[in-house]
């Protein structure tokens, strides 16, 4: 008589992909449920998002301002003017030879020779000098070489180094470098950039406090529901997860709103800026935050929302315990 085979029940196998799929599905469900909860309370959500957006738009707007000021300074043709006043015994031919030699210098983009007659004529065209020039017996002005440095020499230190090199020329009487405005302008940019960092840091703390206080109110309003979930055996991670996603949504929506605010301000300011630029026979288009800065702001706002909700959940959720 045949023996019947006994089939042992198959042991449940662990499938990593199934586990990851279920984990992701659960998080997506909680994230969408948190977003739906915010949509069902439009006015409180809009108020919180508006506060976060204004807090983020202020440093973002200052960053855009410094970016456009930097682009404006780089777009100016004459970043600095270097004038070499040659000695009186240097004639026009020697000056032309020196000008050709300086054109080959890697730090000099353009060289313009100004003869004594041209300089005297330009001086005579100015108010108050025409009568004085007629009293001169001879032209006392020397030959002048006007130099435009290369765009790579954007710092005052580099221009000072070029001036020292030019002062060592035997034909040079003295060299004048008009870079004081560059120092002042760079100092203003450095100051604004420092203000952006400090203001951004303080407002980031403000965003964390706003999100944390909002999540605290969410916890207080759902105190009964949280107690019931704890009584039926819900894990702390299960209870904490919706509040964390709510904080993420607050941060992300606030970052998107801040980006829109900055874009609207740039759009409204483009007209007056274009009108002002046309008065100087130039054209200037305001630039926005750029892809990298935009992604950084959105990612940072999301992280701030998550951090604020995490701090609030850690402090207030533990106080909600079943009796």
C-alpha atoms as a PDB file:
ATOM      1  CA  UNK A   1       0.000   0.000   0.000  1.00  0.00           C
ATOM      2  CA  UNK A   2       1.398   3.397  -1.047  1.00  0.00           C
ATOM      3  CA  UNK A   3       2.260   5.888   1.546  1.00  0.00           C
ATOM      4  CA  UNK A   4       0.693   9.212   1.086  1.00  0.00           C
ATOM      5  CA  UNK A   5       3.038  12.103   0.795  1.00  0.00           C
ATOM      6  CA  UNK A   6       2.695  14.733   3.347  1.00  0.00           C
ATOM      7  CA  UNK A   7       3.012  18.242   2.016  1.00  0.00           C
ATOM      8  CA  UNK A   8       4.428  20.614   4.568  1.00  0.00           C
ATOM      9  CA  UNK A   9       3.011  24.112   4.432  1.00  0.00           C
ATOM     10  CA  UNK A  10       5.302  26.540   2.650  1.00  0.00           C
ATOM     11  CA  UNK A  11       7.031  29.008   4.855  1.00  0.00           C
ATOM     12  CA  UNK A  12       6.403  32.619   4.180  1.00  0.00           C
ATOM     13  CA  UNK A  13       9.279  34.073   2.294  1.00  0.00           C
ATOM     14  CA  UNK A  14      10.578  37.565   2.768  1.00  0.00           C
ATOM     15  CA  UNK A  15      10.531  39.556  -0.475  1.00  0.00           C
ATOM     16  CA  UNK A  16      12.453  42.824  -0.209  1.00  0.00           C
ATOM     17  CA  UNK A  17      10.712  44.330  -3.220  1.00  0.00           C
ATOM     18  CA  UNK A  18       7.288  43.593  -1.777  1.00  0.00           C
ATOM     19  CA  UNK A  19       8.296  45.124   1.520  1.00  0.00           C
ATOM     20  CA  UNK A  20       9.646  48.269  -0.174  1.00  0.00           C
ATOM     21  CA  UNK A  21       6.524  48.519  -2.343  1.00  0.00           C
ATOM     22  CA  UNK A  22       4.244  48.273   0.668  1.00  0.00           C
ATOM     23  CA  UNK A  23       6.370  50.779   2.602  1.00  0.00           C
ATOM     24  CA  UNK A  24       6.263  53.302  -0.240  1.00  0.00           C
ATOM     25  CA  UNK A  25       2.554  52.747  -0.749  1.00  0.00           C
ATOM     26  CA  UNK A  26       1.882  53.485   2.907  1.00  0.00           C
ATOM     27  CA  UNK A  27       3.920  56.664   2.850  1.00  0.00           C
ATOM     28  CA  UNK A  28       2.201  57.856  -0.323  1.00  0.00           C
ATOM     29  CA  UNK A  29      -1.181  57.240   1.268  1.00  0.00           C
ATOM     30  CA  UNK A  30      -0.244  59.183   4.396  1.00  0.00           C
ATOM     31  CA  UNK A  31       1.263  62.050   2.350  1.00  0.00           C
ATOM     32  CA  UNK A  32      -1.871  62.375   0.207  1.00  0.00           C
ATOM     33  CA  UNK A  33      -4.110  62.111   3.261  1.00  0.00           C
ATOM     34  CA  UNK A  34      -2.119  64.918   4.945  1.00  0.00           C
ATOM     35  CA  UNK A  35      -2.469  67.074   1.838  1.00  0.00           C
ATOM     36  CA  UNK A  36      -6.198  66.378   1.744  1.00  0.00           C
ATOM     37  CA  UNK A  37      -6.478  67.432   5.375  1.00  0.00           C
ATOM     38  CA  UNK A  38      -4.846  70.765   4.516  1.00  0.00           C
ATOM     39  CA  UNK A  39      -7.103  71.261   1.506  1.00  0.00           C
ATOM     40  CA  UNK A  40     -10.195  70.692   3.652  1.00  0.00           C
ATOM     41  CA  UNK A  41      -9.081  73.597   5.869  1.00  0.00           C
ATOM     42  CA  UNK A  42      -8.232  76.196   3.213  1.00  0.00           C
ATOM     43  CA  UNK A  43      -8.257  79.376   5.299  1.00  0.00           C
ATOM     44  CA  UNK A  44      -5.973  78.240   8.176  1.00  0.00           C
ATOM     45  CA  UNK A  45      -3.706  76.524   5.644  1.00  0.00           C
ATOM     46  CA  UNK A  46      -3.501  79.647   3.483  1.00  0.00           C
ATOM     47  CA  UNK A  47      -2.667  81.815   6.497  1.00  0.00           C
ATOM     48  CA  UNK A  48       0.174  79.552   7.612  1.00  0.00           C
ATOM     49  CA  UNK A  49       1.532  79.172   4.063  1.00  0.00           C
ATOM     50  CA  UNK A  50       1.400  82.961   3.570  1.00  0.00           C
ATOM     51  CA  UNK A  51       3.446  83.589   6.728  1.00  0.00           C
ATOM     52  CA  UNK A  52       6.049  81.026   5.621  1.00  0.00           C
ATOM     53  CA  UNK A  53       6.109  82.447   2.086  1.00  0.00           C
ATOM     54  CA  UNK A  54       6.754  86.008   3.285  1.00  0.00           C
ATOM     55  CA  UNK A  55       9.490  84.810   5.641  1.00  0.00           C
ATOM     56  CA  UNK A  56      11.225  82.970   2.793  1.00  0.00           C
ATOM     57  CA  UNK A  57      10.613  85.631   0.145  1.00  0.00           C
ATOM     58  CA  UNK A  58      12.547  88.326   2.030  1.00  0.00           C
ATOM     59  CA  UNK A  59      15.988  86.647   1.911  1.00  0.00           C
ATOM     60  CA  UNK A  60      15.226  85.241  -1.533  1.00  0.00           C
ATOM     61  CA  UNK A  61      14.443  88.753  -2.795  1.00  0.00           C
ATOM     62  CA  UNK A  62      17.694  90.106  -1.360  1.00  0.00           C
ATOM     63  CA  UNK A  63      19.576  87.251  -3.004  1.00  0.00           C
ATOM     64  CA  UNK A  64      18.016  88.134  -6.360  1.00  0.00           C
ATOM     65  CA  UNK A  65      18.939  91.791  -5.757  1.00  0.00           C
ATOM     66  CA  UNK A  66      22.613  90.971  -5.170  1.00  0.00           C
ATOM     67  CA  UNK A  67      22.622  88.660  -8.178  1.00  0.00           C
ATOM     68  CA  UNK A  68      21.302  91.395 -10.464  1.00  0.00           C
ATOM     69  CA  UNK A  69      23.680  93.994  -9.021  1.00  0.00           C
ATOM     70  CA  UNK A  70      26.596  91.661  -9.683  1.00  0.00           C
ATOM     71  CA  UNK A  71      25.385  91.068 -13.236  1.00  0.00           C
ATOM     72  CA  UNK A  72      24.984  94.826 -13.704  1.00  0.00           C
ATOM     73  CA  UNK A  73      28.541  95.512 -12.588  1.00  0.00           C
ATOM     74  CA  UNK A  74      29.858  92.815 -14.925  1.00  0.00           C
ATOM     75  CA  UNK A  75      27.910  94.257 -17.857  1.00  0.00           C
ATOM     76  CA  UNK A  76      29.578  97.674 -17.617  1.00  0.00           C
ATOM     77  CA  UNK A  77      32.099  98.102 -20.401  1.00  0.00           C
ATOM     78  CA  UNK A  78      34.537 100.240 -18.446  1.00  0.00           C
ATOM     79  CA  UNK A  79      34.972  98.422 -15.183  1.00  0.00           C
ATOM     80  CA  UNK A  80      37.930 100.624 -14.309  1.00  0.00           C
ATOM     81  CA  UNK A  81      39.935 103.276 -16.080  1.00  0.00           C
ATOM     82  CA  UNK A  82      43.720 103.332 -15.884  1.00  0.00           C
ATOM     83  CA  UNK A  83      45.378 106.455 -17.216  1.00  0.00           C
ATOM     84  CA  UNK A  84      49.139 106.602 -17.770  1.00  0.00           C
ATOM     85  CA  UNK A  85      50.473 110.160 -17.914  1.00  0.00           C
ATOM     86  CA  UNK A  86      53.747 109.943 -19.797  1.00  0.00           C
ATOM     87  CA  UNK A  87      56.747 112.142 -19.172  1.00  0.00           C
ATOM     88  CA  UNK A  88      56.964 115.422 -21.065  1.00  0.00           C
ATOM     89  CA  UNK A  89      60.019 114.247 -23.018  1.00  0.00           C
ATOM     90  CA  UNK A  90      58.042 111.296 -24.475  1.00  0.00           C
ATOM     91  CA  UNK A  91      56.929 112.244 -27.980  1.00  0.00           C
ATOM     92  CA  UNK A  92      53.901 110.913 -29.827  1.00  0.00           C
ATOM     93  CA  UNK A  93      55.837 108.232 -31.761  1.00  0.00           C
ATOM     94  CA  UNK A  94      57.348 106.768 -28.610  1.00  0.00           C
ATOM     95  CA  UNK A  95      53.883 106.795 -27.064  1.00  0.00           C
ATOM     96  CA  UNK A  96      52.463 104.827 -30.028  1.00  0.00           C
ATOM     97  CA  UNK A  97      55.197 102.210 -29.683  1.00  0.00           C
ATOM     98  CA  UNK A  98      54.412 101.881 -25.985  1.00  0.00           C
ATOM     99  CA  UNK A  99      50.679 101.637 -26.728  1.00  0.00           C
ATOM    100  CA  UNK A 100      51.266  98.776 -29.199  1.00  0.00           C
ATOM    101  CA  UNK A 101      53.406  97.030 -26.616  1.00  0.00           C
ATOM    102  CA  UNK A 102      50.715  97.341 -23.948  1.00  0.00           C
ATOM    103  CA  UNK A 103      48.054  95.954 -26.292  1.00  0.00           C
ATOM    104  CA  UNK A 104      49.803  92.602 -26.110  1.00  0.00           C
ATOM    105  CA  UNK A 105      49.623  92.587 -22.324  1.00  0.00           C
ATOM    106  CA  UNK A 106      47.276  89.787 -21.132  1.00  0.00           C
ATOM    107  CA  UNK A 107      45.709  91.989 -18.434  1.00  0.00           C
ATOM    108  CA  UNK A 108      44.885  94.874 -20.782  1.00  0.00           C
ATOM    109  CA  UNK A 109      41.891  94.645 -23.104  1.00  0.00           C
ATOM    110  CA  UNK A 110      42.062  98.003 -24.884  1.00  0.00           C
ATOM    111  CA  UNK A 111      44.563 100.837 -25.228  1.00  0.00           C
ATOM    112  CA  UNK A 112      43.690 104.349 -26.370  1.00  0.00           C
ATOM    113  CA  UNK A 113      46.295 107.034 -27.072  1.00  0.00           C
ATOM    114  CA  UNK A 114      45.315 110.611 -26.280  1.00  0.00           C
ATOM    115  CA  UNK A 115      47.606 113.177 -27.802  1.00  0.00           C
ATOM    116  CA  UNK A 116      48.273 116.530 -26.076  1.00  0.00           C
ATOM    117  CA  UNK A 117      46.283 118.369 -28.760  1.00  0.00           C
ATOM    118  CA  UNK A 118      43.263 116.084 -28.272  1.00  0.00           C
ATOM    119  CA  UNK A 119      43.457 116.472 -24.506  1.00  0.00           C
ATOM    120  CA  UNK A 120      43.682 120.261 -24.805  1.00  0.00           C
ATOM    121  CA  UNK A 121      40.725 120.359 -27.194  1.00  0.00           C
ATOM    122  CA  UNK A 122      38.651 118.239 -24.837  1.00  0.00           C
ATOM    123  CA  UNK A 123      39.598 120.474 -21.930  1.00  0.00           C
ATOM    124  CA  UNK A 124      38.663 123.576 -23.900  1.00  0.00           C
ATOM    125  CA  UNK A 125      35.195 122.188 -24.653  1.00  0.00           C
ATOM    126  CA  UNK A 126      34.352 122.172 -20.966  1.00  0.00           C
ATOM    127  CA  UNK A 127      32.709 125.094 -19.225  1.00  0.00           C
ATOM    128  CA  UNK A 128      35.092 127.522 -17.562  1.00  0.00           C
ATOM    129  CA  UNK A 129      38.256 126.338 -19.350  1.00  0.00           C
ATOM    130  CA  UNK A 130      37.850 127.792 -22.837  1.00  0.00           C
ATOM    131  CA  UNK A 131      39.052 131.281 -21.910  1.00  0.00           C
ATOM    132  CA  UNK A 132      41.909 129.958 -19.760  1.00  0.00           C
ATOM    133  CA  UNK A 133      43.251 127.833 -22.605  1.00  0.00           C
ATOM    134  CA  UNK A 134      43.485 130.836 -24.934  1.00  0.00           C
ATOM    135  CA  UNK A 135      45.956 132.413 -22.516  1.00  0.00           C
ATOM    136  CA  UNK A 136      48.420 129.516 -22.843  1.00  0.00           C
ATOM    137  CA  UNK A 137      51.522 130.036 -24.976  1.00  0.00           C
ATOM    138  CA  UNK A 138      52.104 126.303 -25.453  1.00  0.00           C
ATOM    139  CA  UNK A 139      50.382 123.031 -24.694  1.00  0.00           C
ATOM    140  CA  UNK A 140      51.469 121.856 -21.209  1.00  0.00           C
ATOM    141  CA  UNK A 141      49.633 118.532 -21.353  1.00  0.00           C
ATOM    142  CA  UNK A 142      51.542 115.255 -21.788  1.00  0.00           C
ATOM    143  CA  UNK A 143      50.625 112.222 -23.874  1.00  0.00           C
ATOM    144  CA  UNK A 144      48.122 110.023 -22.032  1.00  0.00           C
ATOM    145  CA  UNK A 145      47.413 106.335 -22.517  1.00  0.00           C
ATOM    146  CA  UNK A 146      43.918 105.292 -21.458  1.00  0.00           C
ATOM    147  CA  UNK A 147      43.774 101.570 -20.659  1.00  0.00           C
ATOM    148  CA  UNK A 148      40.812  99.273 -20.182  1.00  0.00           C
ATOM    149  CA  UNK A 149      41.735  96.248 -18.040  1.00  0.00           C
ATOM    150  CA  UNK A 150      40.672  92.750 -18.993  1.00  0.00           C
ATOM    151  CA  UNK A 151      37.344  91.522 -17.543  1.00  0.00           C
ATOM    152  CA  UNK A 152      39.231  88.959 -15.459  1.00  0.00           C
ATOM    153  CA  UNK A 153      40.637  91.780 -13.323  1.00  0.00           C
ATOM    154  CA  UNK A 154      37.429  92.282 -11.370  1.00  0.00           C
ATOM    155  CA  UNK A 155      38.943  92.895  -7.952  1.00  0.00           C
ATOM    156  CA  UNK A 156      40.600  96.030  -6.659  1.00  0.00           C
ATOM    157  CA  UNK A 157      43.651  94.019  -5.535  1.00  0.00           C
ATOM    158  CA  UNK A 158      44.293  92.756  -9.070  1.00  0.00           C
ATOM    159  CA  UNK A 159      43.956  96.290 -10.463  1.00  0.00           C
ATOM    160  CA  UNK A 160      46.391  97.608  -7.885  1.00  0.00           C
ATOM    161  CA  UNK A 161      48.898  94.991  -9.007  1.00  0.00           C
ATOM    162  CA  UNK A 162      48.506  96.106 -12.629  1.00  0.00           C
ATOM    163  CA  UNK A 163      48.954  99.741 -11.625  1.00  0.00           C
ATOM    164  CA  UNK A 164      52.200  98.926  -9.823  1.00  0.00           C
ATOM    165  CA  UNK A 165      53.471  97.185 -12.949  1.00  0.00           C
ATOM    166  CA  UNK A 166      52.605 100.180 -15.120  1.00  0.00           C
ATOM    167  CA  UNK A 167      54.227 102.654 -12.730  1.00  0.00           C
ATOM    168  CA  UNK A 168      57.524 100.847 -13.247  1.00  0.00           C
ATOM    169  CA  UNK A 169      57.566 101.808 -16.943  1.00  0.00           C
ATOM    170  CA  UNK A 170      60.334 104.338 -17.702  1.00  0.00           C
ATOM    171  CA  UNK A 171      57.978 106.483 -19.834  1.00  0.00           C
ATOM    172  CA  UNK A 172      55.359 106.747 -17.097  1.00  0.00           C
ATOM    173  CA  UNK A 173      55.231 109.927 -15.030  1.00  0.00           C
ATOM    174  CA  UNK A 174      52.364 108.711 -12.855  1.00  0.00           C
ATOM    175  CA  UNK A 175      49.443 106.304 -13.166  1.00  0.00           C
ATOM    176  CA  UNK A 176      45.884 107.036 -12.053  1.00  0.00           C
ATOM    177  CA  UNK A 177      43.548 104.164 -11.268  1.00  0.00           C
ATOM    178  CA  UNK A 178      39.869 104.936 -10.890  1.00  0.00           C
ATOM    179  CA  UNK A 179      38.925 101.941  -8.734  1.00  0.00           C
ATOM    180  CA  UNK A 180      37.575 103.602  -5.617  1.00  0.00           C
ATOM    181  CA  UNK A 181      34.014 103.133  -6.804  1.00  0.00           C
ATOM    182  CA  UNK A 182      34.722  99.450  -7.338  1.00  0.00           C
ATOM    183  CA  UNK A 183      35.841  99.088  -3.746  1.00  0.00           C
ATOM    184  CA  UNK A 184      32.717 100.817  -2.490  1.00  0.00           C
ATOM    185  CA  UNK A 185      30.431  98.823  -4.745  1.00  0.00           C
ATOM    186  CA  UNK A 186      32.056  95.527  -3.734  1.00  0.00           C
ATOM    187  CA  UNK A 187      31.772  96.515  -0.074  1.00  0.00           C
ATOM    188  CA  UNK A 188      28.054  97.179  -0.538  1.00  0.00           C
ATOM    189  CA  UNK A 189      27.601  93.782  -2.211  1.00  0.00           C
ATOM    190  CA  UNK A 190      29.481  92.060   0.599  1.00  0.00           C
ATOM    191  CA  UNK A 191      27.296  93.825   3.142  1.00  0.00           C
ATOM    192  CA  UNK A 192      24.085  92.827   1.370  1.00  0.00           C
ATOM    193  CA  UNK A 193      25.267  89.218   1.074  1.00  0.00           C
ATOM    194  CA  UNK A 194      26.038  89.147   4.794  1.00  0.00           C
ATOM    195  CA  UNK A 195      22.576  90.573   5.504  1.00  0.00           C
ATOM    196  CA  UNK A 196      21.027  87.864   3.313  1.00  0.00           C
ATOM    197  CA  UNK A 197      22.766  85.146   5.338  1.00  0.00           C
ATOM    198  CA  UNK A 198      21.841  86.629   8.723  1.00  0.00           C
ATOM    199  CA  UNK A 199      18.277  87.447   7.729  1.00  0.00           C
ATOM    200  CA  UNK A 200      17.824  84.036   6.124  1.00  0.00           C
ATOM    201  CA  UNK A 201      19.052  82.308   9.281  1.00  0.00           C
ATOM    202  CA  UNK A 202      16.700  84.258  11.541  1.00  0.00           C
ATOM    203  CA  UNK A 203      13.711  83.765   9.268  1.00  0.00           C
ATOM    204  CA  UNK A 204      14.517  80.054   8.968  1.00  0.00           C
ATOM    205  CA  UNK A 205      14.137  79.806  12.742  1.00  0.00           C
ATOM    206  CA  UNK A 206      10.866  81.709  12.371  1.00  0.00           C
ATOM    207  CA  UNK A 207       9.602  79.182   9.821  1.00  0.00           C
ATOM    208  CA  UNK A 208      10.479  76.326  12.184  1.00  0.00           C
ATOM    209  CA  UNK A 209       8.546  78.029  15.004  1.00  0.00           C
ATOM    210  CA  UNK A 210       5.521  78.719  12.793  1.00  0.00           C
ATOM    211  CA  UNK A 211       5.336  75.131  11.555  1.00  0.00           C
ATOM    212  CA  UNK A 212       5.974  73.770  15.049  1.00  0.00           C
ATOM    213  CA  UNK A 213       3.184  75.863  16.557  1.00  0.00           C
ATOM    214  CA  UNK A 214       0.790  74.819  13.785  1.00  0.00           C
ATOM    215  CA  UNK A 215       1.576  71.144  14.316  1.00  0.00           C
ATOM    216  CA  UNK A 216       1.089  71.621  18.062  1.00  0.00           C
ATOM    217  CA  UNK A 217      -2.423  72.870  17.390  1.00  0.00           C
ATOM    218  CA  UNK A 218      -3.012  69.885  15.103  1.00  0.00           C
ATOM    219  CA  UNK A 219      -1.957  67.548  17.910  1.00  0.00           C
ATOM    220  CA  UNK A 220      -4.217  69.293  20.417  1.00  0.00           C
ATOM    221  CA  UNK A 221      -7.180  69.117  18.068  1.00  0.00           C
ATOM    222  CA  UNK A 222      -6.596  65.400  17.432  1.00  0.00           C
ATOM    223  CA  UNK A 223      -5.892  64.454  21.042  1.00  0.00           C
ATOM    224  CA  UNK A 224      -8.893  62.103  21.304  1.00  0.00           C
ATOM    225  CA  UNK A 225      -8.059  60.336  18.060  1.00  0.00           C
ATOM    226  CA  UNK A 226      -4.409  59.918  19.108  1.00  0.00           C
ATOM    227  CA  UNK A 227      -5.465  58.344  22.422  1.00  0.00           C
ATOM    228  CA  UNK A 228      -7.740  55.881  20.636  1.00  0.00           C
ATOM    229  CA  UNK A 229      -4.949  54.871  18.246  1.00  0.00           C
ATOM    230  CA  UNK A 230      -2.591  54.285  21.181  1.00  0.00           C
ATOM    231  CA  UNK A 231      -5.197  52.153  22.929  1.00  0.00           C
ATOM    232  CA  UNK A 232      -5.628  49.871  19.898  1.00  0.00           C
ATOM    233  CA  UNK A 233      -1.875  49.374  19.615  1.00  0.00           C
ATOM    234  CA  UNK A 234      -0.725  51.935  17.055  1.00  0.00           C
ATOM    235  CA  UNK A 235       3.041  52.435  17.047  1.00  0.00           C
ATOM    236  CA  UNK A 236       4.572  55.884  17.737  1.00  0.00           C
ATOM    237  CA  UNK A 237       5.883  55.996  14.155  1.00  0.00           C
ATOM    238  CA  UNK A 238       2.370  55.360  12.811  1.00  0.00           C
ATOM    239  CA  UNK A 239       0.949  58.217  14.893  1.00  0.00           C
ATOM    240  CA  UNK A 240       3.834  60.562  14.157  1.00  0.00           C
ATOM    241  CA  UNK A 241       3.890  60.091  10.377  1.00  0.00           C
ATOM    242  CA  UNK A 242       0.839  62.228   9.361  1.00  0.00           C
ATOM    243  CA  UNK A 243       2.088  65.210  11.368  1.00  0.00           C
ATOM    244  CA  UNK A 244       5.543  64.996   9.794  1.00  0.00           C
ATOM    245  CA  UNK A 245       4.059  64.975   6.305  1.00  0.00           C
ATOM    246  CA  UNK A 246       1.845  67.898   7.233  1.00  0.00           C
ATOM    247  CA  UNK A 247       4.936  69.873   8.190  1.00  0.00           C
ATOM    248  CA  UNK A 248       6.588  68.919   4.900  1.00  0.00           C
ATOM    249  CA  UNK A 249       3.565  70.147   2.963  1.00  0.00           C
ATOM    250  CA  UNK A 250       3.569  73.441   4.852  1.00  0.00           C
ATOM    251  CA  UNK A 251       7.247  73.956   4.067  1.00  0.00           C
ATOM    252  CA  UNK A 252       6.938  72.985   0.409  1.00  0.00           C
ATOM    253  CA  UNK A 253       3.822  75.103  -0.207  1.00  0.00           C
ATOM    254  CA  UNK A 254       5.484  78.033   1.558  1.00  0.00           C
ATOM    255  CA  UNK A 255       8.599  77.672  -0.616  1.00  0.00           C
ATOM    256  CA  UNK A 256       6.558  77.545  -3.833  1.00  0.00           C
ATOM    257  CA  UNK A 257       4.558  80.596  -2.748  1.00  0.00           C
ATOM    258  CA  UNK A 258       7.769  82.485  -1.906  1.00  0.00           C
ATOM    259  CA  UNK A 259       9.160  81.663  -5.354  1.00  0.00           C
ATOM    260  CA  UNK A 260       5.969  82.987  -6.955  1.00  0.00           C
ATOM    261  CA  UNK A 261       6.162  86.189  -4.886  1.00  0.00           C
ATOM    262  CA  UNK A 262       9.734  86.843  -6.004  1.00  0.00           C
ATOM    263  CA  UNK A 263       8.825  86.134  -9.642  1.00  0.00           C
ATOM    264  CA  UNK A 264       5.863  88.546  -9.490  1.00  0.00           C
ATOM    265  CA  UNK A 265       8.024  91.295  -7.954  1.00  0.00           C
ATOM    266  CA  UNK A 266      10.622  90.845 -10.714  1.00  0.00           C
ATOM    267  CA  UNK A 267       7.905  90.974 -13.355  1.00  0.00           C
ATOM    268  CA  UNK A 268       6.510  94.222 -11.932  1.00  0.00           C
ATOM    269  CA  UNK A 269       9.979  95.776 -11.567  1.00  0.00           C
ATOM    270  CA  UNK A 270      11.163  94.926 -15.078  1.00  0.00           C
ATOM    271  CA  UNK A 271       9.293  97.855 -16.666  1.00  0.00           C
ATOM    272  CA  UNK A 272      10.766 100.614 -14.471  1.00  0.00           C
ATOM    273  CA  UNK A 273      14.229  99.028 -14.695  1.00  0.00           C
ATOM    274  CA  UNK A 274      14.027  98.962 -18.493  1.00  0.00           C
ATOM    275  CA  UNK A 275      12.943 102.610 -18.547  1.00  0.00           C
ATOM    276  CA  UNK A 276      15.863 103.571 -16.297  1.00  0.00           C
ATOM    277  CA  UNK A 277      18.334 101.606 -18.399  1.00  0.00           C
ATOM    278  CA  UNK A 278      17.090 103.268 -21.589  1.00  0.00           C
ATOM    279  CA  UNK A 279      18.055 106.655 -20.148  1.00  0.00           C
ATOM    280  CA  UNK A 280      21.672 105.416 -20.125  1.00  0.00           C
ATOM    281  CA  UNK A 281      21.398 104.000 -23.663  1.00  0.00           C
ATOM    282  CA  UNK A 282      21.607 100.429 -22.443  1.00  0.00           C
ATOM    283  CA  UNK A 283      19.370  97.433 -21.893  1.00  0.00           C
ATOM    284  CA  UNK A 284      19.146  95.380 -18.739  1.00  0.00           C
ATOM    285  CA  UNK A 285      16.893  92.395 -18.047  1.00  0.00           C
ATOM    286  CA  UNK A 286      16.379  91.298 -14.468  1.00  0.00           C
ATOM    287  CA  UNK A 287      17.352  87.716 -13.778  1.00  0.00           C
ATOM    288  CA  UNK A 288      15.459  85.439 -11.438  1.00  0.00           C
ATOM    289  CA  UNK A 289      16.729  83.015  -8.835  1.00  0.00           C
ATOM    290  CA  UNK A 290      17.980  80.437 -11.294  1.00  0.00           C
ATOM    291  CA  UNK A 291      17.450  76.686 -11.231  1.00  0.00           C
ATOM    292  CA  UNK A 292      20.005  75.894  -8.526  1.00  0.00           C
ATOM    293  CA  UNK A 293      18.829  78.614  -6.133  1.00  0.00           C
ATOM    294  CA  UNK A 294      15.172  77.733  -6.748  1.00  0.00           C
ATOM    295  CA  UNK A 295      15.720  74.060  -5.994  1.00  0.00           C
ATOM    296  CA  UNK A 296      17.783  74.994  -2.941  1.00  0.00           C
ATOM    297  CA  UNK A 297      15.011  77.217  -1.609  1.00  0.00           C
ATOM    298  CA  UNK A 298      12.308  74.593  -2.222  1.00  0.00           C
ATOM    299  CA  UNK A 299      14.390  71.842  -0.665  1.00  0.00           C
ATOM    300  CA  UNK A 300      15.346  74.056   2.250  1.00  0.00           C
ATOM    301  CA  UNK A 301      11.745  75.093   2.902  1.00  0.00           C
ATOM    302  CA  UNK A 302      10.659  71.444   2.858  1.00  0.00           C
ATOM    303  CA  UNK A 303      13.411  70.550   5.336  1.00  0.00           C
ATOM    304  CA  UNK A 304      12.444  73.475   7.584  1.00  0.00           C
ATOM    305  CA  UNK A 305       8.833  72.283   7.604  1.00  0.00           C
ATOM    306  CA  UNK A 306       9.937  68.749   8.430  1.00  0.00           C
ATOM    307  CA  UNK A 307      12.255  69.981  11.197  1.00  0.00           C
ATOM    308  CA  UNK A 308       9.559  72.174  12.730  1.00  0.00           C
ATOM    309  CA  UNK A 309       7.028  69.354  12.728  1.00  0.00           C
ATOM    310  CA  UNK A 310       9.593  66.881  14.100  1.00  0.00           C
ATOM    311  CA  UNK A 311      10.453  69.156  17.023  1.00  0.00           C
ATOM    312  CA  UNK A 312       6.789  69.824  17.775  1.00  0.00           C
ATOM    313  CA  UNK A 313       5.800  66.157  17.544  1.00  0.00           C
ATOM    314  CA  UNK A 314       8.682  65.130  19.765  1.00  0.00           C
ATOM    315  CA  UNK A 315       7.674  67.634  22.453  1.00  0.00           C
ATOM    316  CA  UNK A 316       3.876  67.463  22.411  1.00  0.00           C
ATOM    317  CA  UNK A 317       2.957  64.022  21.150  1.00  0.00           C
ATOM    318  CA  UNK A 318       4.477  62.273  24.149  1.00  0.00           C
ATOM    319  CA  UNK A 319       2.196  64.291  26.428  1.00  0.00           C
ATOM    320  CA  UNK A 320      -0.875  62.739  24.817  1.00  0.00           C
ATOM    321  CA  UNK A 321      -1.190  59.408  26.625  1.00  0.00           C
ATOM    322  CA  UNK A 322      -4.274  57.287  27.229  1.00  0.00           C
ATOM    323  CA  UNK A 323      -5.732  57.414  30.734  1.00  0.00           C
END
